[in-house]
């Protein structure tokens, strides 16, 4: 009976590790993909919009 309890408890821990991996891997992939898309969008926006950055304008106004 004690062997059966040990096997049940051990299998519960192994199953928990598998579920954790199944959940976290897609989340990490989605995060990295979204991060890349946002960086690309920002780069394209900066390339398309003409003119100086607002930081330079603010700096000139203060002087």
Protein backbone atom coordinates (compact mmCIF):
# COMPACT_ATOMS: atom_id res chain seq x y z
CA UNK A 1 0.00 0.00 0.00
CA UNK A 2 2.86 2.40 0.79
CA UNK A 3 4.42 1.75 -2.62
CA UNK A 4 1.16 2.67 -4.30
CA UNK A 5 0.94 5.93 -2.34
CA UNK A 6 4.53 6.78 -3.26
CA UNK A 7 3.86 6.10 -6.95
CA UNK A 8 0.73 8.24 -6.90
CA UNK A 9 2.50 11.15 -5.21
CA UNK A 10 5.52 10.90 -7.53
CA UNK A 11 3.33 10.81 -10.63
CA UNK A 12 1.41 13.88 -9.40
CA UNK A 13 4.65 15.86 -9.19
CA UNK A 14 5.75 14.71 -12.65
CA UNK A 15 2.38 15.62 -14.12
CA UNK A 16 2.52 19.03 -12.49
CA UNK A 17 5.91 19.70 -14.12
CA UNK A 18 4.54 18.72 -17.54
CA UNK A 19 1.50 20.99 -17.18
CA UNK A 20 3.75 23.87 -16.14
CA UNK A 21 5.89 23.41 -19.25
CA UNK A 22 2.87 23.11 -21.54
CA UNK A 23 1.50 26.41 -20.23
CA UNK A 24 4.69 28.50 -20.08
CA UNK A 25 6.24 27.64 -23.46
CA UNK A 26 3.41 29.10 -25.61
CA UNK A 27 3.30 32.20 -23.41
CA UNK A 28 7.03 32.80 -23.93
CA UNK A 29 6.69 32.34 -27.70
CA UNK A 30 3.75 34.75 -27.85
CA UNK A 31 5.66 37.33 -25.79
CA UNK A 32 8.74 37.20 -28.01
CA UNK A 33 6.64 37.41 -31.18
CA UNK A 34 4.66 40.39 -29.91
CA UNK A 35 7.84 42.12 -28.77
CA UNK A 36 9.35 41.75 -32.26
CA UNK A 37 6.23 43.05 -33.98
CA UNK A 38 6.09 46.12 -31.74
CA UNK A 39 9.76 46.91 -32.33
CA UNK A 40 9.24 46.59 -36.08
CA UNK A 41 6.19 48.84 -36.00
CA UNK A 42 8.07 51.51 -34.06
CA UNK A 43 10.98 51.39 -36.51
CA UNK A 44 8.68 51.71 -39.52
CA UNK A 45 6.77 54.57 -37.90
CA UNK A 46 9.99 56.47 -37.17
CA UNK A 47 11.15 55.95 -40.75
CA UNK A 48 7.87 57.11 -42.30
CA UNK A 49 7.14 60.19 -40.19
CA UNK A 50 9.38 63.08 -41.34
CA UNK A 51 10.86 65.72 -39.08
CA UNK A 52 12.98 65.92 -35.98
CA UNK A 53 12.22 64.03 -32.83
CA UNK A 54 10.26 65.80 -30.11
CA UNK A 55 13.28 65.55 -27.76
CA UNK A 56 15.28 67.96 -29.93
CA UNK A 57 12.40 70.42 -30.12
CA UNK A 58 11.92 70.35 -26.35
CA UNK A 59 15.62 70.88 -25.78
CA UNK A 60 15.68 73.90 -28.13
CA UNK A 61 12.65 75.45 -26.44
CA UNK A 62 14.28 75.30 -22.99
CA UNK A 63 17.39 77.18 -24.10
